[in-house]
Amino acid sequence: MTHVVTDNCIKCKYKDCVEVCPVDCFYVGENMLVIHPDECIDCGVCVPECPAVAIFPDSDIPSESHWFELNRKFAGLWPNITKKGEPPGDADAWNGAPNKFAKHFSSKPGDG
């Protein structure tokens, strides 16, 4: 099992989860984070740290969801991130906004 970063991380990217991850399995894109499913040890310490409530066990994600594969794909393309850093200045305004993936997801890498 692994954990999966989902829609609400887009444009929020708070990075609190990165700081507590014991295996450094987070990868950073231009406007969201993902978890590498082969590196995650399913400890769950990242879940309560996410102010955007965007991280879930893969068992809680519907099987038809694209989130597991999206995390896998972009964890292989984006740089690893191990330090918290600052979230975007407008993160709080985006937190909870609906349907962010279709309009706002960026496949560009972020700064690791």
PDB file of N, CA and C in Angstrom:
ATOM      1  N   MET A   1       0.845  -1.198   0.000  1.00  0.00           N
ATOM      2  CA  MET A   1       0.000   0.000   0.000  1.00  0.00           C
ATOM      3  C   MET A   1       0.879   1.246   0.000  1.00  0.00           C
ATOM      4  N   THR A   2       0.259   2.305  -0.407  1.00  0.00           N
ATOM      5  CA  THR A   2       0.940   3.594  -0.472  1.00  0.00           C
ATOM      6  C   THR A   2      -0.078   4.694  -0.195  1.00  0.00           C
ATOM      7  N   HIS A   3       0.394   5.886  -0.119  1.00  0.00           N
ATOM      8  CA  HIS A   3      -0.487   7.041  -0.025  1.00  0.00           C
ATOM      9  C   HIS A   3      -0.431   7.791  -1.346  1.00  0.00           C
ATOM     10  N   VAL A   4      -1.485   8.565  -1.612  1.00  0.00           N
ATOM     11  CA  VAL A   4      -1.645   9.230  -2.891  1.00  0.00           C
ATOM     12  C   VAL A   4      -2.016  10.696  -2.649  1.00  0.00           C
ATOM     13  N   VAL A   5      -1.365  11.588  -3.382  1.00  0.00           N
ATOM     14  CA  VAL A   5      -1.719  13.006  -3.332  1.00  0.00           C
ATOM     15  C   VAL A   5      -2.790  13.242  -4.394  1.00  0.00           C
ATOM     16  N   THR A   6      -3.829  13.976  -4.026  1.00  0.00           N
ATOM     17  CA  THR A   6      -4.970  14.179  -4.913  1.00  0.00           C
ATOM     18  C   THR A   6      -5.205  15.664  -5.236  1.00  0.00           C
ATOM     19  N   ASP A   7      -6.318  15.915  -5.888  1.00  0.00           N
ATOM     20  CA  ASP A   7      -6.719  17.198  -6.460  1.00  0.00           C
ATOM     21  C   ASP A   7      -6.486  18.420  -5.579  1.00  0.00           C
ATOM     22  N   ASN A   8      -6.781  18.351  -4.320  1.00  0.00           N
ATOM     23  CA  ASN A   8      -6.727  19.573  -3.518  1.00  0.00           C
ATOM     24  C   ASN A   8      -5.310  20.091  -3.294  1.00  0.00           C
ATOM     25  N   CYS A   9      -4.297  19.311  -3.607  1.00  0.00           N
ATOM     26  CA  CYS A   9      -2.924  19.813  -3.494  1.00  0.00           C
ATOM     27  C   CYS A   9      -2.616  20.825  -4.602  1.00  0.00           C
ATOM     28  N   ILE A  10      -3.305  20.718  -5.726  1.00  0.00           N
ATOM     29  CA  ILE A  10      -3.036  21.605  -6.856  1.00  0.00           C
ATOM     30  C   ILE A  10      -3.248  23.056  -6.449  1.00  0.00           C
ATOM     31  N   LYS A  11      -2.222  23.849  -6.684  1.00  0.00           N
ATOM     32  CA  LYS A  11      -2.177  25.280  -6.382  1.00  0.00           C
ATOM     33  C   LYS A  11      -2.142  25.573  -4.882  1.00  0.00           C
ATOM     34  N   CYS A  12      -2.155  24.559  -4.024  1.00  0.00           N
ATOM     35  CA  CYS A  12      -1.976  24.765  -2.585  1.00  0.00           C
ATOM     36  C   CYS A  12      -0.520  24.445  -2.235  1.00  0.00           C
ATOM     37  N   LYS A  13      -0.112  23.213  -2.480  1.00  0.00           N
ATOM     38  CA  LYS A  13       1.285  22.796  -2.335  1.00  0.00           C
ATOM     39  C   LYS A  13       1.906  23.322  -1.032  1.00  0.00           C
ATOM     40  N   TYR A  14       1.265  23.032   0.088  1.00  0.00           N
ATOM     41  CA  TYR A  14       1.736  23.536   1.380  1.00  0.00           C
ATOM     42  C   TYR A  14       3.084  22.952   1.814  1.00  0.00           C
ATOM     43  N   LYS A  15       3.359  21.725   1.499  1.00  0.00           N
ATOM     44  CA  LYS A  15       4.631  21.054   1.763  1.00  0.00           C
ATOM     45  C   LYS A  15       4.871  20.672   3.220  1.00  0.00           C
ATOM     46  N   ASP A  16       3.882  20.778   4.093  1.00  0.00           N
ATOM     47  CA  ASP A  16       4.054  20.342   5.478  1.00  0.00           C
ATOM     48  C   ASP A  16       4.338  18.838   5.531  1.00  0.00           C
ATOM     49  N   CYS A  17       3.754  18.105   4.603  1.00  0.00           N
ATOM     50  CA  CYS A  17       3.899  16.652   4.528  1.00  0.00           C
ATOM     51  C   CYS A  17       5.351  16.236   4.277  1.00  0.00           C
ATOM     52  N   VAL A  18       6.052  17.016   3.495  1.00  0.00           N
ATOM     53  CA  VAL A  18       7.433  16.716   3.112  1.00  0.00           C
ATOM     54  C   VAL A  18       8.326  16.643   4.346  1.00  0.00           C
ATOM     55  N   GLU A  19       8.117  17.561   5.251  1.00  0.00           N
ATOM     56  CA  GLU A  19       8.954  17.682   6.444  1.00  0.00           C
ATOM     57  C   GLU A  19       8.899  16.436   7.335  1.00  0.00           C
ATOM     58  N   VAL A  20       7.776  15.742   7.371  1.00  0.00           N
ATOM     59  CA  VAL A  20       7.625  14.614   8.291  1.00  0.00           C
ATOM     60  C   VAL A  20       7.876  13.250   7.643  1.00  0.00           C
ATOM     61  N   CYS A  21       8.016  13.208   6.345  1.00  0.00           N
ATOM     62  CA  CYS A  21       8.171  11.929   5.647  1.00  0.00           C
ATOM     63  C   CYS A  21       9.516  11.281   5.986  1.00  0.00           C
ATOM     64  N   PRO A  22       9.501  10.079   6.579  1.00  0.00           N
ATOM     65  CA  PRO A  22      10.757   9.436   6.979  1.00  0.00           C
ATOM     66  C   PRO A  22      11.546   8.836   5.819  1.00  0.00           C
ATOM     67  N   VAL A  23      10.932   8.716   4.638  1.00  0.00           N
ATOM     68  CA  VAL A  23      11.624   8.100   3.495  1.00  0.00           C
ATOM     69  C   VAL A  23      11.766   9.042   2.301  1.00  0.00           C
ATOM     70  N   ASP A  24      11.419  10.302   2.474  1.00  0.00           N
ATOM     71  CA  ASP A  24      11.589  11.307   1.418  1.00  0.00           C
ATOM     72  C   ASP A  24      10.998  10.860   0.081  1.00  0.00           C
ATOM     73  N   CYS A  25       9.731  10.474   0.098  1.00  0.00           N
ATOM     74  CA  CYS A  25       9.089   9.952  -1.114  1.00  0.00           C
ATOM     75  C   CYS A  25       8.224  10.976  -1.844  1.00  0.00           C
ATOM     76  N   PHE A  26       8.374  12.266  -1.516  1.00  0.00           N
ATOM     77  CA  PHE A  26       7.610  13.306  -2.189  1.00  0.00           C
ATOM     78  C   PHE A  26       8.404  13.908  -3.335  1.00  0.00           C
ATOM     79  N   TYR A  27       7.674  14.234  -4.402  1.00  0.00           N
ATOM     80  CA  TYR A  27       8.268  14.839  -5.593  1.00  0.00           C
ATOM     81  C   TYR A  27       7.448  16.071  -5.935  1.00  0.00           C
ATOM     82  N   VAL A  28       8.112  17.090  -6.469  1.00  0.00           N
ATOM     83  CA  VAL A  28       7.469  18.389  -6.616  1.00  0.00           C
ATOM     84  C   VAL A  28       7.310  18.805  -8.076  1.00  0.00           C
ATOM     85  N   GLY A  29       6.068  19.197  -8.370  1.00  0.00           N
ATOM     86  CA  GLY A  29       5.750  19.764  -9.669  1.00  0.00           C
ATOM     87  C   GLY A  29       5.582  21.260  -9.526  1.00  0.00           C
ATOM     88  N   GLU A  30       5.268  21.891 -10.624  1.00  0.00           N
ATOM     89  CA  GLU A  30       5.092  23.340 -10.620  1.00  0.00           C
ATOM     90  C   GLU A  30       4.017  23.783  -9.620  1.00  0.00           C
ATOM     91  N   ASN A  31       2.918  22.997  -9.519  1.00  0.00           N
ATOM     92  CA  ASN A  31       1.856  23.455  -8.619  1.00  0.00           C
ATOM     93  C   ASN A  31       1.234  22.357  -7.754  1.00  0.00           C
ATOM     94  N   MET A  32       1.926  21.218  -7.608  1.00  0.00           N
ATOM     95  CA  MET A  32       1.462  20.197  -6.662  1.00  0.00           C
ATOM     96  C   MET A  32       2.594  19.242  -6.338  1.00  0.00           C
ATOM     97  N   LEU A  33       2.376  18.402  -5.356  1.00  0.00           N
ATOM     98  CA  LEU A  33       3.314  17.352  -4.965  1.00  0.00           C
ATOM     99  C   LEU A  33       2.718  16.004  -5.323  1.00  0.00           C
ATOM    100  N   VAL A  34       3.564  14.995  -5.460  1.00  0.00           N
ATOM    101  CA  VAL A  34       3.116  13.617  -5.615  1.00  0.00           C
ATOM    102  C   VAL A  34       3.974  12.722  -4.728  1.00  0.00           C
ATOM    103  N   ILE A  35       3.479  11.512  -4.489  1.00  0.00           N
ATOM    104  CA  ILE A  35       4.187  10.509  -3.699  1.00  0.00           C
ATOM    105  C   ILE A  35       4.605   9.381  -4.627  1.00  0.00           C
ATOM    106  N   HIS A  36       5.861   8.966  -4.501  1.00  0.00           N
ATOM    107  CA  HIS A  36       6.324   7.817  -5.290  1.00  0.00           C
ATOM    108  C   HIS A  36       5.804   6.551  -4.617  1.00  0.00           C
ATOM    109  N   PRO A  37       4.931   5.790  -5.285  1.00  0.00           N
ATOM    110  CA  PRO A  37       4.298   4.637  -4.634  1.00  0.00           C
ATOM    111  C   PRO A  37       5.266   3.504  -4.276  1.00  0.00           C
ATOM    112  N   ASP A  38       6.402   3.420  -4.956  1.00  0.00           N
ATOM    113  CA  ASP A  38       7.375   2.372  -4.631  1.00  0.00           C
ATOM    114  C   ASP A  38       8.282   2.754  -3.475  1.00  0.00           C
ATOM    115  N   GLU A  39       8.259   4.016  -3.086  1.00  0.00           N
ATOM    116  CA  GLU A  39       9.090   4.493  -1.982  1.00  0.00           C
ATOM    117  C   GLU A  39       8.304   4.685  -0.690  1.00  0.00           C
ATOM    118  N   CYS A  40       7.024   4.965  -0.811  1.00  0.00           N
ATOM    119  CA  CYS A  40       6.167   5.198   0.353  1.00  0.00           C
ATOM    120  C   CYS A  40       6.076   3.918   1.186  1.00  0.00           C
ATOM    121  N   ILE A  41       6.252   4.053   2.498  1.00  0.00           N
ATOM    122  CA  ILE A  41       6.165   2.891   3.388  1.00  0.00           C
ATOM    123  C   ILE A  41       4.808   2.806   4.089  1.00  0.00           C
ATOM    124  N   ASP A  42       3.870   3.635   3.657  1.00  0.00           N
ATOM    125  CA  ASP A  42       2.505   3.598   4.167  1.00  0.00           C
ATOM    126  C   ASP A  42       2.427   3.876   5.668  1.00  0.00           C
ATOM    127  N   CYS A  43       3.309   4.740   6.156  1.00  0.00           N
ATOM    128  CA  CYS A  43       3.291   5.049   7.592  1.00  0.00           C
ATOM    129  C   CYS A  43       2.162   6.014   7.953  1.00  0.00           C
ATOM    130  N   GLY A  44       1.752   6.854   7.000  1.00  0.00           N
ATOM    131  CA  GLY A  44       0.629   7.754   7.219  1.00  0.00           C
ATOM    132  C   GLY A  44       0.935   9.028   7.979  1.00  0.00           C
ATOM    133  N   VAL A  45       2.195   9.285   8.323  1.00  0.00           N
ATOM    134  CA  VAL A  45       2.489  10.503   9.096  1.00  0.00           C
ATOM    135  C   VAL A  45       2.233  11.780   8.298  1.00  0.00           C
ATOM    136  N   CYS A  46       2.205  11.679   6.983  1.00  0.00           N
ATOM    137  CA  CYS A  46       1.969  12.854   6.142  1.00  0.00           C
ATOM    138  C   CYS A  46       0.503  13.290   6.149  1.00  0.00           C
ATOM    139  N   VAL A  47      -0.391  12.359   6.356  1.00  0.00           N
ATOM    140  CA  VAL A  47      -1.827  12.648   6.228  1.00  0.00           C
ATOM    141  C   VAL A  47      -2.292  13.763   7.164  1.00  0.00           C
ATOM    142  N   PRO A  48      -2.039  13.688   8.477  1.00  0.00           N
ATOM    143  CA  PRO A  48      -2.529  14.762   9.346  1.00  0.00           C
ATOM    144  C   PRO A  48      -1.765  16.078   9.180  1.00  0.00           C
ATOM    145  N   GLU A  49      -0.629  16.037   8.530  1.00  0.00           N
ATOM    146  CA  GLU A  49       0.169  17.250   8.334  1.00  0.00           C
ATOM    147  C   GLU A  49      -0.297  18.081   7.142  1.00  0.00           C
ATOM    148  N   CYS A  50      -1.127  17.516   6.284  1.00  0.00           N
ATOM    149  CA  CYS A  50      -1.558  18.193   5.057  1.00  0.00           C
ATOM    150  C   CYS A  50      -2.715  19.149   5.350  1.00  0.00           C
ATOM    151  N   PRO A  51      -2.474  20.471   5.337  1.00  0.00           N
ATOM    152  CA  PRO A  51      -3.555  21.423   5.595  1.00  0.00           C
ATOM    153  C   PRO A  51      -4.662  21.372   4.539  1.00  0.00           C
ATOM    154  N   ALA A  52      -4.329  20.870   3.349  1.00  0.00           N
ATOM    155  CA  ALA A  52      -5.309  20.817   2.264  1.00  0.00           C
ATOM    156  C   ALA A  52      -6.117  19.521   2.259  1.00  0.00           C
ATOM    157  N   VAL A  53      -5.807  18.603   3.154  1.00  0.00           N
ATOM    158  CA  VAL A  53      -6.475  17.298   3.195  1.00  0.00           C
ATOM    159  C   VAL A  53      -6.474  16.689   1.784  1.00  0.00           C
ATOM    160  N   ALA A  54      -5.274  16.550   1.235  1.00  0.00           N
ATOM    161  CA  ALA A  54      -5.124  16.075  -0.137  1.00  0.00           C
ATOM    162  C   ALA A  54      -4.420  14.726  -0.234  1.00  0.00           C
ATOM    163  N   ILE A  55      -4.064  14.124   0.902  1.00  0.00           N
ATOM    164  CA  ILE A  55      -3.329  12.855   0.897  1.00  0.00           C
ATOM    165  C   ILE A  55      -4.209  11.761   1.501  1.00  0.00           C
ATOM    166  N   PHE A  56      -4.299  10.633   0.769  1.00  0.00           N
ATOM    167  CA  PHE A  56      -5.139   9.530   1.206  1.00  0.00           C
ATOM    168  C   PHE A  56      -4.432   8.202   0.975  1.00  0.00           C
ATOM    169  N   PRO A  57      -4.761   7.178   1.776  1.00  0.00           N
ATOM    170  CA  PRO A  57      -4.271   5.836   1.459  1.00  0.00           C
ATOM    171  C   PRO A  57      -4.827   5.425   0.102  1.00  0.00           C
ATOM    172  N   ASP A  58      -4.043   4.685  -0.674  1.00  0.00           N
ATOM    173  CA  ASP A  58      -4.535   4.281  -1.998  1.00  0.00           C
ATOM    174  C   ASP A  58      -5.789   3.423  -1.903  1.00  0.00           C
ATOM    175  N   SER A  59      -5.989   2.767  -0.778  1.00  0.00           N
ATOM    176  CA  SER A  59      -7.198   1.953  -0.604  1.00  0.00           C
ATOM    177  C   SER A  59      -8.463   2.811  -0.481  1.00  0.00           C
ATOM    178  N   ASP A  60      -8.294   4.108  -0.209  1.00  0.00           N
ATOM    179  CA  ASP A  60      -9.435   5.023  -0.112  1.00  0.00           C
ATOM    180  C   ASP A  60      -9.722   5.743  -1.421  1.00  0.00           C
ATOM    181  N   ILE A  61      -8.918   5.473  -2.438  1.00  0.00           N
ATOM    182  CA  ILE A  61      -9.083   6.103  -3.742  1.00  0.00           C
ATOM    183  C   ILE A  61      -9.850   5.131  -4.637  1.00  0.00           C
ATOM    184  N   PRO A  62     -10.920   5.567  -5.297  1.00  0.00           N
ATOM    185  CA  PRO A  62     -11.649   4.649  -6.182  1.00  0.00           C
ATOM    186  C   PRO A  62     -10.732   4.048  -7.246  1.00  0.00           C
ATOM    187  N   SER A  63     -10.924   2.799  -7.559  1.00  0.00           N
ATOM    188  CA  SER A  63     -10.051   2.094  -8.504  1.00  0.00           C
ATOM    189  C   SER A  63     -10.032   2.739  -9.889  1.00  0.00           C
ATOM    190  N   GLU A  64     -11.105   3.415 -10.265  1.00  0.00           N
ATOM    191  CA  GLU A  64     -11.137   4.069 -11.578  1.00  0.00           C
ATOM    192  C   GLU A  64     -10.471   5.451 -11.564  1.00  0.00           C
ATOM    193  N   SER A  65     -10.009   5.886 -10.411  1.00  0.00           N
ATOM    194  CA  SER A  65      -9.366   7.185 -10.289  1.00  0.00           C
ATOM    195  C   SER A  65      -8.006   7.193 -10.984  1.00  0.00           C
ATOM    196  N   HIS A  66      -7.613   8.342 -11.495  1.00  0.00           N
ATOM    197  CA  HIS A  66      -6.321   8.497 -12.157  1.00  0.00           C
ATOM    198  C   HIS A  66      -5.215   8.904 -11.188  1.00  0.00           C
ATOM    199  N   TRP A  67      -5.532   9.123  -9.927  1.00  0.00           N
ATOM    200  CA  TRP A  67      -4.559   9.688  -8.997  1.00  0.00           C
ATOM    201  C   TRP A  67      -3.378   8.774  -8.707  1.00  0.00           C
ATOM    202  N   PHE A  68      -3.617   7.479  -8.571  1.00  0.00           N
ATOM    203  CA  PHE A  68      -2.505   6.571  -8.295  1.00  0.00           C
ATOM    204  C   PHE A  68      -1.499   6.608  -9.436  1.00  0.00           C
ATOM    205  N   GLU A  69      -1.962   6.484 -10.655  1.00  0.00           N
ATOM    206  CA  GLU A  69      -1.064   6.491 -11.814  1.00  0.00           C
ATOM    207  C   GLU A  69      -0.425   7.860 -12.028  1.00  0.00           C
ATOM    208  N   LEU A  70      -1.154   8.925 -11.738  1.00  0.00           N
ATOM    209  CA  LEU A  70      -0.581  10.255 -11.857  1.00  0.00           C
ATOM    210  C   LEU A  70       0.574  10.416 -10.874  1.00  0.00           C
ATOM    211  N   ASN A  71       0.390   9.957  -9.624  1.00  0.00           N
ATOM    212  CA  ASN A  71       1.473  10.032  -8.645  1.00  0.00           C
ATOM    213  C   ASN A  71       2.678   9.230  -9.119  1.00  0.00           C
ATOM    214  N   ARG A  72       2.444   8.020  -9.606  1.00  0.00           N
ATOM    215  CA  ARG A  72       3.539   7.174 -10.086  1.00  0.00           C
ATOM    216  C   ARG A  72       4.284   7.845 -11.252  1.00  0.00           C
ATOM    217  N   LYS A  73       3.541   8.309 -12.228  1.00  0.00           N
ATOM    218  CA  LYS A  73       4.157   8.895 -13.419  1.00  0.00           C
ATOM    219  C   LYS A  73       5.023  10.105 -13.077  1.00  0.00           C
ATOM    220  N   PHE A  74       4.458  11.047 -12.347  1.00  0.00           N
ATOM    221  CA  PHE A  74       5.184  12.289 -12.114  1.00  0.00           C
ATOM    222  C   PHE A  74       6.256  12.167 -11.035  1.00  0.00           C
ATOM    223  N   ALA A  75       6.148  11.183 -10.154  1.00  0.00           N
ATOM    224  CA  ALA A  75       7.244  10.933  -9.211  1.00  0.00           C
ATOM    225  C   ALA A  75       8.493  10.491  -9.965  1.00  0.00           C
ATOM    226  N   GLY A  76       8.304   9.901 -11.139  1.00  0.00           N
ATOM    227  CA  GLY A  76       9.430   9.503 -11.968  1.00  0.00           C
ATOM    228  C   GLY A  76       9.986  10.620 -12.829  1.00  0.00           C
ATOM    229  N   LEU A  77       9.274  11.741 -12.893  1.00  0.00           N
ATOM    230  CA  LEU A  77       9.690  12.850 -13.751  1.00  0.00           C
ATOM    231  C   LEU A  77      10.106  14.110 -12.984  1.00  0.00           C
ATOM    232  N   TRP A  78       9.497  14.328 -11.843  1.00  0.00           N
ATOM    233  CA  TRP A  78       9.747  15.554 -11.082  1.00  0.00           C
ATOM    234  C   TRP A  78      10.861  15.346 -10.068  1.00  0.00           C
ATOM    235  N   PRO A  79      11.482  16.443  -9.595  1.00  0.00           N
ATOM    236  CA  PRO A  79      12.550  16.320  -8.601  1.00  0.00           C
ATOM    237  C   PRO A  79      12.015  15.956  -7.214  1.00  0.00           C
ATOM    238  N   ASN A  80      12.832  15.251  -6.482  1.00  0.00           N
ATOM    239  CA  ASN A  80      12.529  14.899  -5.100  1.00  0.00           C
ATOM    240  C   ASN A  80      12.572  16.164  -4.240  1.00  0.00           C
ATOM    241  N   ILE A  81      11.694  16.230  -3.257  1.00  0.00           N
ATOM    242  CA  ILE A  81      11.676  17.361  -2.334  1.00  0.00           C
ATOM    243  C   ILE A  81      11.757  16.824  -0.913  1.00  0.00           C
ATOM    244  N   THR A  82      12.657  17.397  -0.106  1.00  0.00           N
ATOM    245  CA  THR A  82      12.866  16.902   1.250  1.00  0.00           C
ATOM    246  C   THR A  82      12.728  17.985   2.317  1.00  0.00           C
ATOM    247  N   LYS A  83      12.567  19.221   1.908  1.00  0.00           N
ATOM    248  CA  LYS A  83      12.423  20.333   2.853  1.00  0.00           C
ATOM    249  C   LYS A  83      11.100  21.039   2.603  1.00  0.00           C
ATOM    250  N   LYS A  84      10.521  21.557   3.667  1.00  0.00           N
ATOM    251  CA  LYS A  84       9.181  22.145   3.594  1.00  0.00           C
ATOM    252  C   LYS A  84       9.091  23.331   2.641  1.00  0.00           C
ATOM    253  N   GLY A  85       9.825  24.356   2.815  1.00  0.00           N
ATOM    254  CA  GLY A  85       9.729  25.529   1.951  1.00  0.00           C
ATOM    255  C   GLY A  85       8.414  26.273   2.138  1.00  0.00           C
ATOM    256  N   GLU A  86       8.236  27.316   1.367  1.00  0.00           N
ATOM    257  CA  GLU A  86       7.040  28.158   1.461  1.00  0.00           C
ATOM    258  C   GLU A  86       5.988  27.725   0.440  1.00  0.00           C
ATOM    259  N   PRO A  87       4.733  27.700   0.847  1.00  0.00           N
ATOM    260  CA  PRO A  87       3.665  27.420  -0.121  1.00  0.00           C
ATOM    261  C   PRO A  87       3.441  28.648  -0.998  1.00  0.00           C
ATOM    262  N   PRO A  88       2.730  28.501  -2.091  1.00  0.00           N
ATOM    263  CA  PRO A  88       2.398  29.675  -2.911  1.00  0.00           C
ATOM    264  C   PRO A  88       1.648  30.712  -2.073  1.00  0.00           C
ATOM    265  N   GLY A  89       1.813  31.964  -2.405  1.00  0.00           N
ATOM    266  CA  GLY A  89       1.183  33.042  -1.646  1.00  0.00           C
ATOM    267  C   GLY A  89      -0.337  32.977  -1.622  1.00  0.00           C
ATOM    268  N   ASP A  90      -0.926  32.371  -2.651  1.00  0.00           N
ATOM    269  CA  ASP A  90      -2.383  32.284  -2.725  1.00  0.00           C
ATOM    270  C   ASP A  90      -2.909  30.884  -2.375  1.00  0.00           C
ATOM    271  N   ALA A  91      -2.100  30.087  -1.698  1.00  0.00           N
ATOM    272  CA  ALA A  91      -2.487  28.705  -1.365  1.00  0.00           C
ATOM    273  C   ALA A  91      -3.797  28.638  -0.587  1.00  0.00           C
ATOM    274  N   ASP A  92      -3.962  29.505   0.386  1.00  0.00           N
ATOM    275  CA  ASP A  92      -5.189  29.467   1.197  1.00  0.00           C
ATOM    276  C   ASP A  92      -6.432  29.752   0.348  1.00  0.00           C
ATOM    277  N   ALA A  93      -6.300  30.607  -0.634  1.00  0.00           N
ATOM    278  CA  ALA A  93      -7.443  30.934  -1.509  1.00  0.00           C
ATOM    279  C   ALA A  93      -7.832  29.735  -2.371  1.00  0.00           C
ATOM    280  N   TRP A  94      -6.857  28.890  -2.728  1.00  0.00           N
ATOM    281  CA  TRP A  94      -7.126  27.718  -3.567  1.00  0.00           C
ATOM    282  C   TRP A  94      -7.552  26.499  -2.760  1.00  0.00           C
ATOM    283  N   ASN A  95      -7.266  26.481  -1.473  1.00  0.00           N
ATOM    284  CA  ASN A  95      -7.586  25.325  -0.640  1.00  0.00           C
ATOM    285  C   ASN A  95      -9.095  25.078  -0.648  1.00  0.00           C
ATOM    286  N   GLY A  96      -9.480  23.910  -1.124  1.00  0.00           N
ATOM    287  CA  GLY A  96     -10.891  23.538  -1.162  1.00  0.00           C
ATOM    288  C   GLY A  96     -11.608  23.899  -2.453  1.00  0.00           C
ATOM    289  N   ALA A  97     -10.930  24.584  -3.363  1.00  0.00           N
ATOM    290  CA  ALA A  97     -11.567  24.914  -4.648  1.00  0.00           C
ATOM    291  C   ALA A  97     -11.869  23.615  -5.392  1.00  0.00           C
ATOM    292  N   PRO A  98     -13.045  23.498  -5.985  1.00  0.00           N
ATOM    293  CA  PRO A  98     -13.417  22.250  -6.656  1.00  0.00           C
ATOM    294  C   PRO A  98     -12.778  22.086  -8.041  1.00  0.00           C
ATOM    295  N   ASN A  99     -12.637  20.847  -8.456  1.00  0.00           N
ATOM    296  CA  ASN A  99     -12.246  20.496  -9.832  1.00  0.00           C
ATOM    297  C   ASN A  99     -10.996  21.211 -10.336  1.00  0.00           C
ATOM    298  N   LYS A 100      -9.968  21.223  -9.528  1.00  0.00           N
ATOM    299  CA  LYS A 100      -8.753  21.931  -9.922  1.00  0.00           C
ATOM    300  C   LYS A 100      -7.959  21.198 -11.001  1.00  0.00           C
ATOM    301  N   PHE A 101      -8.062  19.885 -11.061  1.00  0.00           N
ATOM    302  CA  PHE A 101      -7.220  19.133 -11.987  1.00  0.00           C
ATOM    303  C   PHE A 101      -7.435  19.552 -13.443  1.00  0.00           C
ATOM    304  N   ALA A 102      -8.648  19.572 -13.897  1.00  0.00           N
ATOM    305  CA  ALA A 102      -8.939  19.847 -15.310  1.00  0.00           C
ATOM    306  C   ALA A 102      -8.436  21.211 -15.771  1.00  0.00           C
ATOM    307  N   LYS A 103      -8.508  22.191 -14.920  1.00  0.00           N
ATOM    308  CA  LYS A 103      -8.142  23.548 -15.331  1.00  0.00           C
ATOM    309  C   LYS A 103      -6.755  23.988 -14.883  1.00  0.00           C
ATOM    310  N   HIS A 104      -6.206  23.378 -13.822  1.00  0.00           N
ATOM    311  CA  HIS A 104      -5.015  23.967 -13.227  1.00  0.00           C
ATOM    312  C   HIS A 104      -3.812  23.036 -13.058  1.00  0.00           C
ATOM    313  N   PHE A 105      -3.957  21.746 -13.288  1.00  0.00           N
ATOM    314  CA  PHE A 105      -2.819  20.852 -13.136  1.00  0.00           C
ATOM    315  C   PHE A 105      -1.723  21.203 -14.134  1.00  0.00           C
ATOM    316  N   SER A 106      -0.488  21.231 -13.655  1.00  0.00           N
ATOM    317  CA  SER A 106       0.665  21.474 -14.527  1.00  0.00           C
ATOM    318  C   SER A 106       1.581  20.261 -14.462  1.00  0.00           C
ATOM    319  N   SER A 107       2.006  19.774 -15.609  1.00  0.00           N
ATOM    320  CA  SER A 107       2.935  18.640 -15.643  1.00  0.00           C
ATOM    321  C   SER A 107       4.394  19.094 -15.561  1.00  0.00           C
ATOM    322  N   LYS A 108       4.613  20.390 -15.457  1.00  0.00           N
ATOM    323  CA  LYS A 108       5.975  20.917 -15.374  1.00  0.00           C
ATOM    324  C   LYS A 108       6.580  20.597 -14.013  1.00  0.00           C
ATOM    325  N   PRO A 109       7.878  20.324 -13.967  1.00  0.00           N
ATOM    326  CA  PRO A 109       8.532  20.066 -12.684  1.00  0.00           C
ATOM    327  C   PRO A 109       8.649  21.346 -11.856  1.00  0.00           C
ATOM    328  N   GLY A 110       8.735  21.152 -10.557  1.00  0.00           N
ATOM    329  CA  GLY A 110       8.953  22.272  -9.651  1.00  0.00           C
ATOM    330  C   GLY A 110      10.404  22.297  -9.207  1.00  0.00           C
ATOM    331  N   ASP A 111      10.689  23.080  -8.200  1.00  0.00           N
ATOM    332  CA  ASP A 111      12.039  23.156  -7.648  1.00  0.00           C
ATOM    333  C   ASP A 111      12.171  22.190  -6.491  1.00  0.00           C
ATOM    334  N   GLY A 112      13.137  21.282  -6.576  1.00  0.00           N
ATOM    335  CA  GLY A 112      13.358  20.273  -5.544  1.00  0.00           C
ATOM    336  C   GLY A 112      14.125  20.796  -4.376  1.00  0.00           C
TER     337      GLY A 112
END
